[in-house]
């Protein structure tokens, strides 16, 4: 059993585990990357960021975390960049760079694929210099 399989086997509630088991192949397909477990986050690929402040680093270009209350999908280019598809996604909540889904079976997976694909392309197209909150303004 892989590290990710072991992690997913411990995810609760069962609905969150089911959603994670759906997201794992979806994100791998969309990004073309293998999943990497970092703490309680499953990431795909990486991108380099450099802000005007001089701060820079590397982070997962796509990823999610199955939390108890909802599955968190990270959109580090900001949720504002995905308004049109978010309108068709189905029930969800958003933060600046996070999409929260309580039940993936109620969501349009094609809309989610487009969101993840666009975010991944944006983040991996070069050095990303914008914070998530800046794409919402």
Protein backbone atom coordinates (compact mmCIF):
# COMPACT_ATOMS: atom_id res chain seq x y z
CA UNK A 1 0.00 0.00 0.00
CA UNK A 2 1.41 3.40 -0.97
CA UNK A 3 1.81 6.32 1.41
CA UNK A 4 -1.12 8.09 -0.26
CA UNK A 5 -3.34 4.99 -0.08
CA UNK A 6 -2.52 4.65 3.63
CA UNK A 7 -3.34 8.32 4.18
CA UNK A 8 -6.65 8.07 2.31
CA UNK A 9 -7.64 4.95 4.27
CA UNK A 10 -7.53 7.08 7.44
CA UNK A 11 -9.54 10.03 6.07
CA UNK A 12 -12.86 10.65 7.81
CA UNK A 13 -15.72 11.03 7.30
CA UNK A 14 -16.23 8.40 4.57
CA UNK A 15 -17.68 11.04 2.21
CA UNK A 16 -14.40 12.95 2.37
CA UNK A 17 -12.43 9.77 1.60
CA UNK A 18 -14.74 9.05 -1.36
CA UNK A 19 -14.23 12.58 -2.69
CA UNK A 20 -10.44 12.29 -2.28
CA UNK A 21 -10.47 9.00 -4.18
CA UNK A 22 -12.27 10.82 -7.02
CA UNK A 23 -9.96 13.85 -6.97
CA UNK A 24 -6.75 11.83 -6.98
CA UNK A 25 -7.10 10.46 -10.55
CA UNK A 26 -8.87 13.62 -11.77
CA UNK A 27 -5.97 15.87 -10.76
CA UNK A 28 -3.35 13.38 -11.95
CA UNK A 29 -5.05 13.28 -15.37
CA UNK A 30 -5.46 17.05 -15.65
CA UNK A 31 -1.91 17.88 -14.55
CA UNK A 32 -0.07 14.87 -15.96
CA UNK A 33 1.76 14.70 -12.61
CA UNK A 34 2.07 12.02 -9.95
CA UNK A 35 0.60 12.85 -6.54
CA UNK A 36 2.89 13.74 -3.64
CA UNK A 37 1.73 13.68 -0.03
CA UNK A 38 3.01 16.57 2.09
CA UNK A 39 1.52 16.49 5.56
CA UNK A 40 -2.22 16.20 4.90
CA UNK A 41 -2.14 17.77 1.43
CA UNK A 42 -1.87 15.86 -1.82
CA UNK A 43 -0.05 17.95 -4.42
CA UNK A 44 0.62 17.63 -8.14
CA UNK A 45 3.57 19.24 -9.88
CA UNK A 46 5.24 22.40 -8.65
CA UNK A 47 5.63 26.03 -9.54
CA UNK A 48 8.05 28.75 -8.56
CA UNK A 49 6.70 32.03 -7.22
CA UNK A 50 8.44 35.35 -6.71
CA UNK A 51 6.57 38.31 -5.24
CA UNK A 52 7.40 42.00 -5.60
CA UNK A 53 8.51 41.92 -1.95
CA UNK A 54 11.36 39.59 -2.94
CA UNK A 55 9.86 36.56 -1.24
CA UNK A 56 10.06 33.46 -3.40
CA UNK A 57 9.76 29.71 -3.19
CA UNK A 58 8.24 26.57 -4.64
CA UNK A 59 4.83 25.06 -4.00
CA UNK A 60 2.48 22.43 -5.43
CA UNK A 61 0.89 23.67 -8.66
CA UNK A 62 -2.35 21.82 -7.90
CA UNK A 63 -3.51 20.10 -4.78
CA UNK A 64 -6.19 19.25 -2.30
CA UNK A 65 -6.64 18.32 1.32
CA UNK A 66 -9.52 16.18 2.61
CA UNK A 67 -10.55 18.04 5.76
CA UNK A 68 -13.38 16.98 8.09
CA UNK A 69 -15.73 19.86 7.19
CA UNK A 70 -14.96 19.98 3.45
CA UNK A 71 -12.37 19.07 0.87
CA UNK A 72 -10.06 21.99 0.23
CA UNK A 73 -8.83 22.46 -3.34
CA UNK A 74 -5.97 24.91 -3.65
CA UNK A 75 -6.13 27.51 -6.43
CA UNK A 76 -3.05 29.60 -5.84
CA UNK A 77 -3.81 31.80 -8.84
CA UNK A 78 -6.88 32.90 -6.87
CA UNK A 79 -10.52 31.90 -7.11
CA UNK A 80 -11.30 35.16 -8.92
CA UNK A 81 -9.64 33.76 -12.03
CA UNK A 82 -12.31 31.04 -12.22
CA UNK A 83 -15.60 32.87 -11.66
CA UNK A 84 -17.34 31.59 -14.78
CA UNK A 85 -16.66 27.91 -14.08
CA UNK A 86 -17.33 28.36 -10.36
CA UNK A 87 -20.82 29.58 -11.28
CA UNK A 88 -21.45 26.16 -12.90
CA UNK A 89 -19.59 24.01 -10.36
CA UNK A 90 -22.37 23.37 -7.89
CA UNK A 91 -22.41 23.82 -4.11
CA UNK A 92 -19.11 25.21 -2.82
CA UNK A 93 -17.53 27.94 -0.73
CA UNK A 94 -14.41 29.92 -1.49
CA UNK A 95 -11.54 31.62 0.24
CA UNK A 96 -8.94 33.75 -1.50
CA UNK A 97 -7.01 30.79 -2.91
CA UNK A 98 -9.14 27.88 -1.75
CA UNK A 99 -12.23 26.13 -2.98
CA UNK A 100 -14.19 24.23 -0.32
CA UNK A 101 -16.42 21.36 -1.41
CA UNK A 102 -18.58 19.47 1.08
CA UNK A 103 -19.87 16.85 -1.39
CA UNK A 104 -18.14 16.29 -4.70
CA UNK A 105 -21.03 14.19 -6.03
CA UNK A 106 -23.11 17.39 -6.19
CA UNK A 107 -20.50 19.15 -8.36
CA UNK A 108 -19.95 19.33 -12.10
CA UNK A 109 -16.65 17.47 -12.51
CA UNK A 110 -16.11 18.93 -15.99
CA UNK A 111 -16.24 22.45 -14.51
CA UNK A 112 -13.81 21.33 -11.80
CA UNK A 113 -11.45 19.84 -14.42
CA UNK A 114 -11.44 23.17 -16.28
CA UNK A 115 -10.72 25.08 -13.06
CA UNK A 116 -7.84 22.82 -12.04
CA UNK A 117 -6.42 22.74 -15.58
CA UNK A 118 -6.51 26.54 -15.95
CA UNK A 119 -4.98 27.10 -12.53
CA UNK A 120 -2.24 24.54 -13.20
CA UNK A 121 -1.41 26.06 -16.63
CA UNK A 122 -1.29 29.55 -15.15
CA UNK A 123 0.98 28.58 -12.28
CA UNK A 124 3.38 26.49 -14.37
CA UNK A 125 3.70 28.85 -17.35
CA UNK A 126 6.73 30.61 -15.79
CA UNK A 127 7.63 32.28 -12.53
CA UNK A 128 4.34 33.27 -10.93
CA UNK A 129 4.45 36.70 -9.35
CA UNK A 130 0.94 37.30 -8.13
CA UNK A 131 -0.60 36.42 -4.78
CA UNK A 132 -3.96 34.62 -4.85
CA UNK A 133 -5.77 37.65 -3.41
CA UNK A 134 -4.52 39.83 -6.27
CA UNK A 135 -6.43 37.85 -8.90
CA UNK A 136 -9.70 38.58 -7.10
CA UNK A 137 -9.35 42.34 -7.25
